[in-house]
Amino acid sequence: MKQVQIFISRYHVEFGPFAPFEVIGLCERAVFTPSDFAREAGSDRWVPMMEWRRGWTMRHRGPQPKPRNVPTWMPPRRRLVRKPAARAENPADY
């Protein structure tokens, strides 16, 4: 499988090629700014960096875990009420 390569443009100067996950890591460290542009190798279409990143992560985020069946609200807890012990009517029964 061919590795995708990304080129970055800042102030009309082109940098790259980078692996897509390198670019995402550099975005997280604020090396690339929202004013930068990105394109994939073989394409002439430059897109804003944040648009490219949003599109790439949506396409390549992998399998999502199944949502758990958790209720959105919790029913009130039942309070345990202790009943007094039954006492014999006749004191001689003690």
PDB file of N, CA and C in Angstrom:
ATOM      1  N   MET A   1       0.833  -1.180   0.000  1.00  0.00           N
ATOM      2  CA  MET A   1       0.000   0.000   0.000  1.00  0.00           C
ATOM      3  C   MET A   1       0.880   1.247   0.000  1.00  0.00           C
ATOM      4  N   LYS A   2       0.519   2.203  -0.818  1.00  0.00           N
ATOM      5  CA  LYS A   2       1.308   3.409  -0.958  1.00  0.00           C
ATOM      6  C   LYS A   2       1.074   4.345   0.232  1.00  0.00           C
ATOM      7  N   GLN A   3       2.163   4.879   0.755  1.00  0.00           N
ATOM      8  CA  GLN A   3       2.087   5.799   1.882  1.00  0.00           C
ATOM      9  C   GLN A   3       1.668   7.184   1.389  1.00  0.00           C
ATOM     10  N   VAL A   4       0.667   7.762   2.036  1.00  0.00           N
ATOM     11  CA  VAL A   4       0.213   9.105   1.683  1.00  0.00           C
ATOM     12  C   VAL A   4       1.236  10.118   2.197  1.00  0.00           C
ATOM     13  N   GLN A   5       1.547  11.099   1.367  1.00  0.00           N
ATOM     14  CA  GLN A   5       2.477  12.156   1.750  1.00  0.00           C
ATOM     15  C   GLN A   5       1.749  13.487   1.717  1.00  0.00           C
ATOM     16  N   ILE A   6       2.055  14.325   2.702  1.00  0.00           N
ATOM     17  CA  ILE A   6       1.407  15.621   2.847  1.00  0.00           C
ATOM     18  C   ILE A   6       2.455  16.718   2.697  1.00  0.00           C
ATOM     19  N   PHE A   7       2.100  17.735   1.940  1.00  0.00           N
ATOM     20  CA  PHE A   7       2.952  18.918   1.799  1.00  0.00           C
ATOM     21  C   PHE A   7       2.269  20.092   2.488  1.00  0.00           C
ATOM     22  N   ILE A   8       3.065  20.932   3.111  1.00  0.00           N
ATOM     23  CA  ILE A   8       2.552  22.082   3.854  1.00  0.00           C
ATOM     24  C   ILE A   8       3.070  23.355   3.199  1.00  0.00           C
ATOM     25  N   SER A   9       2.208  24.357   3.141  1.00  0.00           N
ATOM     26  CA  SER A   9       2.603  25.651   2.590  1.00  0.00           C
ATOM     27  C   SER A   9       2.388  26.724   3.648  1.00  0.00           C
ATOM     28  N   ARG A  10       3.438  27.500   3.885  1.00  0.00           N
ATOM     29  CA  ARG A  10       3.356  28.644   4.793  1.00  0.00           C
ATOM     30  C   ARG A  10       3.971  29.835   4.077  1.00  0.00           C
ATOM     31  N   TYR A  11       3.175  30.867   3.903  1.00  0.00           N
ATOM     32  CA  TYR A  11       3.624  32.083   3.213  1.00  0.00           C
ATOM     33  C   TYR A  11       4.248  31.751   1.855  1.00  0.00           C
ATOM     34  N   HIS A  12       3.600  30.864   1.093  1.00  0.00           N
ATOM     35  CA  HIS A  12       3.988  30.471  -0.268  1.00  0.00           C
ATOM     36  C   HIS A  12       5.310  29.709  -0.326  1.00  0.00           C
ATOM     37  N   VAL A  13       5.733  29.147   0.796  1.00  0.00           N
ATOM     38  CA  VAL A  13       6.918  28.280   0.829  1.00  0.00           C
ATOM     39  C   VAL A  13       6.424  26.877   1.175  1.00  0.00           C
ATOM     40  N   GLU A  14       6.810  25.918   0.336  1.00  0.00           N
ATOM     41  CA  GLU A  14       6.318  24.555   0.495  1.00  0.00           C
ATOM     42  C   GLU A  14       7.296  23.720   1.316  1.00  0.00           C
ATOM     43  N   PHE A  15       6.760  22.969   2.285  1.00  0.00           N
ATOM     44  CA  PHE A  15       7.560  22.079   3.135  1.00  0.00           C
ATOM     45  C   PHE A  15       7.018  20.664   2.981  1.00  0.00           C
ATOM     46  N   GLY A  16       7.906  19.698   3.097  1.00  0.00           N
ATOM     47  CA  GLY A  16       7.433  18.321   3.060  1.00  0.00           C
ATOM     48  C   GLY A  16       8.288  17.471   2.167  1.00  0.00           C
ATOM     49  N   PRO A  17       7.941  16.260   2.005  1.00  0.00           N
ATOM     50  CA  PRO A  17       6.706  15.575   2.386  1.00  0.00           C
ATOM     51  C   PRO A  17       6.737  15.113   3.847  1.00  0.00           C
ATOM     52  N   PHE A  18       5.545  15.017   4.433  1.00  0.00           N
ATOM     53  CA  PHE A  18       5.356  14.514   5.786  1.00  0.00           C
ATOM     54  C   PHE A  18       4.371  13.351   5.733  1.00  0.00           C
ATOM     55  N   ALA A  19       4.492  12.460   6.699  1.00  0.00           N
ATOM     56  CA  ALA A  19       3.466  11.433   6.890  1.00  0.00           C
ATOM     57  C   ALA A  19       2.268  12.117   7.558  1.00  0.00           C
ATOM     58  N   PRO A  20       1.060  11.668   7.285  1.00  0.00           N
ATOM     59  CA  PRO A  20      -0.120  12.331   7.852  1.00  0.00           C
ATOM     60  C   PRO A  20      -0.098  12.422   9.378  1.00  0.00           C
ATOM     61  N   PHE A  21       0.363  11.373  10.038  1.00  0.00           N
ATOM     62  CA  PHE A  21       0.353  11.399  11.490  1.00  0.00           C
ATOM     63  C   PHE A  21       1.459  12.300  12.050  1.00  0.00           C
ATOM     64  N   GLU A  22       2.508  12.540  11.255  1.00  0.00           N
ATOM     65  CA  GLU A  22       3.503  13.553  11.640  1.00  0.00           C
ATOM     66  C   GLU A  22       2.864  14.938  11.637  1.00  0.00           C
ATOM     67  N   VAL A  23       2.081  15.200  10.598  1.00  0.00           N
ATOM     68  CA  VAL A  23       1.428  16.504  10.475  1.00  0.00           C
ATOM     69  C   VAL A  23       0.470  16.721  11.642  1.00  0.00           C
ATOM     70  N   ILE A  24      -0.298  15.701  11.985  1.00  0.00           N
ATOM     71  CA  ILE A  24      -1.236  15.826  13.101  1.00  0.00           C
ATOM     72  C   ILE A  24      -0.478  16.074  14.401  1.00  0.00           C
ATOM     73  N   GLY A  25       0.618  15.372  14.609  1.00  0.00           N
ATOM     74  CA  GLY A  25       1.426  15.590  15.813  1.00  0.00           C
ATOM     75  C   GLY A  25       2.003  16.995  15.859  1.00  0.00           C
ATOM     76  N   LEU A  26       2.458  17.500  14.713  1.00  0.00           N
ATOM     77  CA  LEU A  26       2.989  18.867  14.676  1.00  0.00           C
ATOM     78  C   LEU A  26       1.888  19.899  14.900  1.00  0.00           C
ATOM     79  N   CYS A  27       0.674  19.607  14.430  1.00  0.00           N
ATOM     80  CA  CYS A  27      -0.463  20.508  14.703  1.00  0.00           C
ATOM     81  C   CYS A  27      -0.759  20.550  16.194  1.00  0.00           C
ATOM     82  N   GLU A  28      -0.714  19.397  16.848  1.00  0.00           N
ATOM     83  CA  GLU A  28      -0.988  19.347  18.282  1.00  0.00           C
ATOM     84  C   GLU A  28       0.050  20.109  19.080  1.00  0.00           C
ATOM     85  N   ARG A  29       1.279  20.182  18.567  1.00  0.00           N
ATOM     86  CA  ARG A  29       2.334  20.944  19.246  1.00  0.00           C
ATOM     87  C   ARG A  29       2.398  22.390  18.769  1.00  0.00           C
ATOM     88  N   ALA A  30       1.414  22.795  17.968  1.00  0.00           N
ATOM     89  CA  ALA A  30       1.276  24.179  17.474  1.00  0.00           C
ATOM     90  C   ALA A  30       2.438  24.614  16.593  1.00  0.00           C
ATOM     91  N   VAL A  31       3.056  23.659  15.882  1.00  0.00           N
ATOM     92  CA  VAL A  31       4.089  24.015  14.907  1.00  0.00           C
ATOM     93  C   VAL A  31       3.420  24.602  13.665  1.00  0.00           C
ATOM     94  N   PHE A  32       2.308  23.991  13.273  1.00  0.00           N
ATOM     95  CA  PHE A  32       1.539  24.518  12.145  1.00  0.00           C
ATOM     96  C   PHE A  32       0.401  25.369  12.693  1.00  0.00           C
ATOM     97  N   THR A  33       0.079  26.414  11.977  1.00  0.00           N
ATOM     98  CA  THR A  33      -0.946  27.341  12.420  1.00  0.00           C
ATOM     99  C   THR A  33      -2.165  27.243  11.503  1.00  0.00           C
ATOM    100  N   PRO A  34      -3.302  27.806  11.922  1.00  0.00           N
ATOM    101  CA  PRO A  34      -4.480  27.776  11.062  1.00  0.00           C
ATOM    102  C   PRO A  34      -4.287  28.509   9.733  1.00  0.00           C
ATOM    103  N   SER A  35      -3.291  29.386   9.649  1.00  0.00           N
ATOM    104  CA  SER A  35      -3.056  30.108   8.392  1.00  0.00           C
ATOM    105  C   SER A  35      -2.245  29.285   7.387  1.00  0.00           C
ATOM    106  N   ASP A  36      -1.749  28.107   7.785  1.00  0.00           N
ATOM    107  CA  ASP A  36      -1.007  27.231   6.877  1.00  0.00           C
ATOM    108  C   ASP A  36      -1.977  26.434   6.013  1.00  0.00           C
ATOM    109  N   PHE A  37      -1.451  25.931   4.892  1.00  0.00           N
ATOM    110  CA  PHE A  37      -2.246  25.134   3.968  1.00  0.00           C
ATOM    111  C   PHE A  37      -1.602  23.768   3.793  1.00  0.00           C
ATOM    112  N   ALA A  38      -2.409  22.770   3.434  1.00  0.00           N
ATOM    113  CA  ALA A  38      -1.915  21.411   3.231  1.00  0.00           C
ATOM    114  C   ALA A  38      -2.494  20.846   1.940  1.00  0.00           C
ATOM    115  N   ARG A  39      -1.730  19.923   1.346  1.00  0.00           N
ATOM    116  CA  ARG A  39      -2.225  19.179   0.194  1.00  0.00           C
ATOM    117  C   ARG A  39      -1.586  17.807   0.214  1.00  0.00           C
ATOM    118  N   GLU A  40      -2.291  16.849  -0.371  1.00  0.00           N
ATOM    119  CA  GLU A  40      -1.742  15.511  -0.489  1.00  0.00           C
ATOM    120  C   GLU A  40      -0.911  15.433  -1.754  1.00  0.00           C
ATOM    121  N   ALA A  41       0.102  14.565  -1.756  1.00  0.00           N
ATOM    122  CA  ALA A  41       0.967  14.408  -2.921  1.00  0.00           C
ATOM    123  C   ALA A  41       0.124  13.998  -4.116  1.00  0.00           C
ATOM    124  N   GLY A  42       0.378  14.613  -5.271  1.00  0.00           N
ATOM    125  CA  GLY A  42      -0.357  14.317  -6.483  1.00  0.00           C
ATOM    126  C   GLY A  42      -1.572  15.195  -6.687  1.00  0.00           C
ATOM    127  N   SER A  43      -1.900  16.013  -5.713  1.00  0.00           N
ATOM    128  CA  SER A  43      -3.055  16.904  -5.813  1.00  0.00           C
ATOM    129  C   SER A  43      -2.558  18.338  -5.952  1.00  0.00           C
ATOM    130  N   ASP A  44      -3.312  19.143  -6.678  1.00  0.00           N
ATOM    131  CA  ASP A  44      -2.972  20.562  -6.796  1.00  0.00           C
ATOM    132  C   ASP A  44      -3.834  21.428  -5.885  1.00  0.00           C
ATOM    133  N   ARG A  45      -4.725  20.789  -5.146  1.00  0.00           N
ATOM    134  CA  ARG A  45      -5.686  21.532  -4.318  1.00  0.00           C
ATOM    135  C   ARG A  45      -5.125  21.753  -2.919  1.00  0.00           C
ATOM    136  N   TRP A  46      -4.886  23.009  -2.576  1.00  0.00           N
ATOM    137  CA  TRP A  46      -4.435  23.379  -1.240  1.00  0.00           C
ATOM    138  C   TRP A  46      -5.661  23.678  -0.384  1.00  0.00           C
ATOM    139  N   VAL A  47      -5.691  23.135   0.822  1.00  0.00           N
ATOM    140  CA  VAL A  47      -6.800  23.391   1.744  1.00  0.00           C
ATOM    141  C   VAL A  47      -6.226  23.939   3.046  1.00  0.00           C
ATOM    142  N   PRO A  48      -6.989  24.750   3.769  1.00  0.00           N
ATOM    143  CA  PRO A  48      -6.498  25.230   5.068  1.00  0.00           C
ATOM    144  C   PRO A  48      -6.139  24.048   5.973  1.00  0.00           C
ATOM    145  N   MET A  49      -5.103  24.226   6.758  1.00  0.00           N
ATOM    146  CA  MET A  49      -4.576  23.141   7.603  1.00  0.00           C
ATOM    147  C   MET A  49      -5.646  22.527   8.496  1.00  0.00           C
ATOM    148  N   MET A  50      -6.453  23.354   9.144  1.00  0.00           N
ATOM    149  CA  MET A  50      -7.450  22.825  10.070  1.00  0.00           C
ATOM    150  C   MET A  50      -8.536  22.038   9.325  1.00  0.00           C
ATOM    151  N   GLU A  51      -8.863  22.459   8.117  1.00  0.00           N
ATOM    152  CA  GLU A  51      -9.840  21.716   7.318  1.00  0.00           C
ATOM    153  C   GLU A  51      -9.275  20.360   6.920  1.00  0.00           C
ATOM    154  N   TRP A  52      -8.002  20.325   6.509  1.00  0.00           N
ATOM    155  CA  TRP A  52      -7.362  19.065   6.148  1.00  0.00           C
ATOM    156  C   TRP A  52      -7.319  18.132   7.357  1.00  0.00           C
ATOM    157  N   ARG A  53      -6.910  18.677   8.493  1.00  0.00           N
ATOM    158  CA  ARG A  53      -6.787  17.853   9.699  1.00  0.00           C
ATOM    159  C   ARG A  53      -8.140  17.289  10.117  1.00  0.00           C
ATOM    160  N   ARG A  54      -9.176  18.109  10.093  1.00  0.00           N
ATOM    161  CA  ARG A  54     -10.519  17.659  10.473  1.00  0.00           C
ATOM    162  C   ARG A  54     -10.987  16.542   9.525  1.00  0.00           C
ATOM    163  N   GLY A  55     -10.768  16.726   8.229  1.00  0.00           N
ATOM    164  CA  GLY A  55     -11.165  15.712   7.257  1.00  0.00           C
ATOM    165  C   GLY A  55     -10.371  14.433   7.403  1.00  0.00           C
ATOM    166  N   TRP A  56      -9.073  14.546   7.642  1.00  0.00           N
ATOM    167  CA  TRP A  56      -8.217  13.359   7.762  1.00  0.00           C
ATOM    168  C   TRP A  56      -8.595  12.550   8.995  1.00  0.00           C
ATOM    169  N   THR A  57      -8.785  13.202  10.121  1.00  0.00           N
ATOM    170  CA  THR A  57      -9.096  12.454  11.333  1.00  0.00           C
ATOM    171  C   THR A  57     -10.479  11.824  11.256  1.00  0.00           C
ATOM    172  N   MET A  58     -11.425  12.461  10.561  1.00  0.00           N
ATOM    173  CA  MET A  58     -12.747  11.862  10.419  1.00  0.00           C
ATOM    174  C   MET A  58     -12.685  10.611   9.536  1.00  0.00           C
ATOM    175  N   ARG A  59     -11.812  10.609   8.515  1.00  0.00           N
ATOM    176  CA  ARG A  59     -11.715   9.453   7.622  1.00  0.00           C
ATOM    177  C   ARG A  59     -10.884   8.330   8.211  1.00  0.00           C
ATOM    178  N   HIS A  60      -9.921   8.638   9.076  1.00  0.00           N
ATOM    179  CA  HIS A  60      -8.942   7.645   9.515  1.00  0.00           C
ATOM    180  C   HIS A  60      -8.904   7.471  11.024  1.00  0.00           C
ATOM    181  N   ARG A  61      -9.996   7.632  11.689  1.00  0.00           N
ATOM    182  CA  ARG A  61      -9.954   7.529  13.148  1.00  0.00           C
ATOM    183  C   ARG A  61     -10.091   6.112  13.650  1.00  0.00           C
ATOM    184  N   GLY A  62     -10.337   5.141  12.778  1.00  0.00           N
ATOM    185  CA  GLY A  62     -10.397   3.746  13.170  1.00  0.00           C
ATOM    186  C   GLY A  62     -11.757   3.373  13.736  1.00  0.00           C
ATOM    187  N   PRO A  63     -11.878   2.114  14.151  1.00  0.00           N
ATOM    188  CA  PRO A  63     -13.168   1.663  14.667  1.00  0.00           C
ATOM    189  C   PRO A  63     -13.498   2.355  15.990  1.00  0.00           C
ATOM    190  N   GLN A  64     -14.726   2.751  16.111  1.00  0.00           N
ATOM    191  CA  GLN A  64     -15.179   3.417  17.328  1.00  0.00           C
ATOM    192  C   GLN A  64     -15.737   2.383  18.291  1.00  0.00           C
ATOM    193  N   PRO A  65     -15.505   2.559  19.593  1.00  0.00           N
ATOM    194  CA  PRO A  65     -16.071   1.607  20.546  1.00  0.00           C
ATOM    195  C   PRO A  65     -17.593   1.716  20.561  1.00  0.00           C
ATOM    196  N   LYS A  66     -18.236   0.588  20.819  1.00  0.00           N
ATOM    197  CA  LYS A  66     -19.690   0.598  20.888  1.00  0.00           C
ATOM    198  C   LYS A  66     -20.113   1.377  22.134  1.00  0.00           C
ATOM    199  N   PRO A  67     -21.145   2.189  22.004  1.00  0.00           N
ATOM    200  CA  PRO A  67     -21.594   2.929  23.184  1.00  0.00           C
ATOM    201  C   PRO A  67     -22.200   1.969  24.206  1.00  0.00           C
ATOM    202  N   ARG A  68     -21.892   2.235  25.447  1.00  0.00           N
ATOM    203  CA  ARG A  68     -22.446   1.404  26.517  1.00  0.00           C
ATOM    204  C   ARG A  68     -23.903   1.783  26.737  1.00  0.00           C
ATOM    205  N   ASN A  69     -24.653   0.851  27.222  1.00  0.00           N
ATOM    206  CA  ASN A  69     -26.060   1.093  27.506  1.00  0.00           C
ATOM    207  C   ASN A  69     -26.179   1.708  28.902  1.00  0.00           C
ATOM    208  N   VAL A  70     -25.896   2.972  29.005  1.00  0.00           N
ATOM    209  CA  VAL A  70     -25.937   3.672  30.286  1.00  0.00           C
ATOM    210  C   VAL A  70     -27.134   4.608  30.262  1.00  0.00           C
ATOM    211  N   PRO A  71     -27.995   4.539  31.285  1.00  0.00           N
ATOM    212  CA  PRO A  71     -29.129   5.461  31.287  1.00  0.00           C
ATOM    213  C   PRO A  71     -28.658   6.897  31.440  1.00  0.00           C
ATOM    214  N   THR A  72     -29.399   7.812  30.877  1.00  0.00           N
ATOM    215  CA  THR A  72     -29.012   9.217  30.971  1.00  0.00           C
ATOM    216  C   THR A  72     -29.366   9.808  32.320  1.00  0.00           C
ATOM    217  N   TRP A  73     -30.230   9.141  33.054  1.00  0.00           N
ATOM    218  CA  TRP A  73     -30.572   9.591  34.401  1.00  0.00           C
ATOM    219  C   TRP A  73     -30.549   8.383  35.296  1.00  0.00           C
ATOM    220  N   MET A  74     -30.308   8.613  36.550  1.00  0.00           N
ATOM    221  CA  MET A  74     -30.266   7.515  37.503  1.00  0.00           C
ATOM    222  C   MET A  74     -31.528   7.566  38.358  1.00  0.00           C
ATOM    223  N   PRO A  75     -32.192   6.443  38.550  1.00  0.00           N
ATOM    224  CA  PRO A  75     -33.371   6.443  39.406  1.00  0.00           C
ATOM    225  C   PRO A  75     -32.965   6.748  40.845  1.00  0.00           C
ATOM    226  N   PRO A  76     -33.876   7.287  41.639  1.00  0.00           N
ATOM    227  CA  PRO A  76     -33.521   7.592  43.028  1.00  0.00           C
ATOM    228  C   PRO A  76     -33.183   6.313  43.779  1.00  0.00           C
ATOM    229  N   ARG A  77     -32.235   6.447  44.676  1.00  0.00           N
ATOM    230  CA  ARG A  77     -31.832   5.294  45.470  1.00  0.00           C
ATOM    231  C   ARG A  77     -32.908   4.988  46.504  1.00  0.00           C
ATOM    232  N   ARG A  78     -33.102   3.738  46.728  1.00  0.00           N
ATOM    233  CA  ARG A  78     -34.047   3.338  47.768  1.00  0.00           C
ATOM    234  C   ARG A  78     -33.347   3.406  49.116  1.00  0.00           C
ATOM    235  N   ARG A  79     -34.028   3.985  50.038  1.00  0.00           N
ATOM    236  CA  ARG A  79     -33.467   4.047  51.391  1.00  0.00           C
ATOM    237  C   ARG A  79     -33.870   2.784  52.137  1.00  0.00           C
ATOM    238  N   LEU A  80     -32.926   2.220  52.799  1.00  0.00           N
ATOM    239  CA  LEU A  80     -33.226   1.043  53.603  1.00  0.00           C
ATOM    240  C   LEU A  80     -33.839   1.511  54.909  1.00  0.00           C
ATOM    241  N   VAL A  81     -35.012   1.029  55.207  1.00  0.00           N
ATOM    242  CA  VAL A  81     -35.690   1.378  56.441  1.00  0.00           C
ATOM    243  C   VAL A  81     -35.716   0.136  57.308  1.00  0.00           C
ATOM    244  N   ARG A  82     -35.104   0.257  58.449  1.00  0.00           N
ATOM    245  CA  ARG A  82     -35.095  -0.888  59.357  1.00  0.00           C
ATOM    246  C   ARG A  82     -36.381  -0.883  60.172  1.00  0.00           C
ATOM    247  N   LYS A  83     -37.012  -1.997  60.157  1.00  0.00           N
ATOM    248  CA  LYS A  83     -38.221  -2.139  60.954  1.00  0.00           C
ATOM    249  C   LYS A  83     -37.814  -2.562  62.367  1.00  0.00           C
ATOM    250  N   PRO A  84     -38.501  -2.001  63.316  1.00  0.00           N
ATOM    251  CA  PRO A  84     -38.166  -2.430  64.684  1.00  0.00           C
ATOM    252  C   PRO A  84     -38.501  -3.914  64.852  1.00  0.00           C
ATOM    253  N   ALA A  85     -37.730  -4.560  65.681  1.00  0.00           N
ATOM    254  CA  ALA A  85     -37.948  -5.987  65.928  1.00  0.00           C
ATOM    255  C   ALA A  85     -39.302  -6.176  66.598  1.00  0.00           C
ATOM    256  N   ALA A  86     -39.955  -7.225  66.238  1.00  0.00           N
ATOM    257  CA  ALA A  86     -41.261  -7.513  66.823  1.00  0.00           C
ATOM    258  C   ALA A  86     -41.061  -7.926  68.278  1.00  0.00           C
ATOM    259  N   ARG A  87     -41.828  -7.290  69.143  1.00  0.00           N
ATOM    260  CA  ARG A  87     -41.704  -7.630  70.555  1.00  0.00           C
ATOM    261  C   ARG A  87     -42.918  -8.447  70.973  1.00  0.00           C
ATOM    262  N   ALA A  88     -42.643  -9.289  71.874  1.00  0.00           N
ATOM    263  CA  ALA A  88     -43.746 -10.113  72.390  1.00  0.00           C
ATOM    264  C   ALA A  88     -44.649  -9.262  73.255  1.00  0.00           C
ATOM    265  N   GLU A  89     -45.897  -9.567  73.237  1.00  0.00           N
ATOM    266  CA  GLU A  89     -46.866  -8.823  74.030  1.00  0.00           C
ATOM    267  C   GLU A  89     -46.711  -9.152  75.520  1.00  0.00           C
ATOM    268  N   ASN A  90     -46.348 -10.356  75.798  1.00  0.00           N
ATOM    269  CA  ASN A  90     -46.266 -10.797  77.179  1.00  0.00           C
ATOM    270  C   ASN A  90     -44.817 -10.744  77.637  1.00  0.00           C
ATOM    271  N   PRO A  91     -44.489 -10.008  78.705  1.00  0.00           N
ATOM    272  CA  PRO A  91     -43.103  -9.955  79.181  1.00  0.00           C
ATOM    273  C   PRO A  91     -42.567 -11.317  79.593  1.00  0.00           C
ATOM    274  N   ALA A  92     -43.405 -12.259  79.879  1.00  0.00           N
ATOM    275  CA  ALA A  92     -42.931 -13.575  80.268  1.00  0.00           C
ATOM    276  C   ALA A  92     -42.382 -14.336  79.059  1.00  0.00           C
ATOM    277  N   ASP A  93     -42.684 -13.884  77.861  1.00  0.00           N
ATOM    278  CA  ASP A  93     -42.170 -14.558  76.662  1.00  0.00           C
ATOM    279  C   ASP A  93     -40.698 -14.249  76.384  1.00  0.00           C
ATOM    280  N   TYR A  94     -40.146 -13.331  77.140  1.00  0.00           N
ATOM    281  CA  TYR A  94     -38.737 -12.963  76.901  1.00  0.00           C
ATOM    282  C   TYR A  94     -37.839 -14.051  77.315  1.00  0.00           C
TER     283      TYR A  94
END
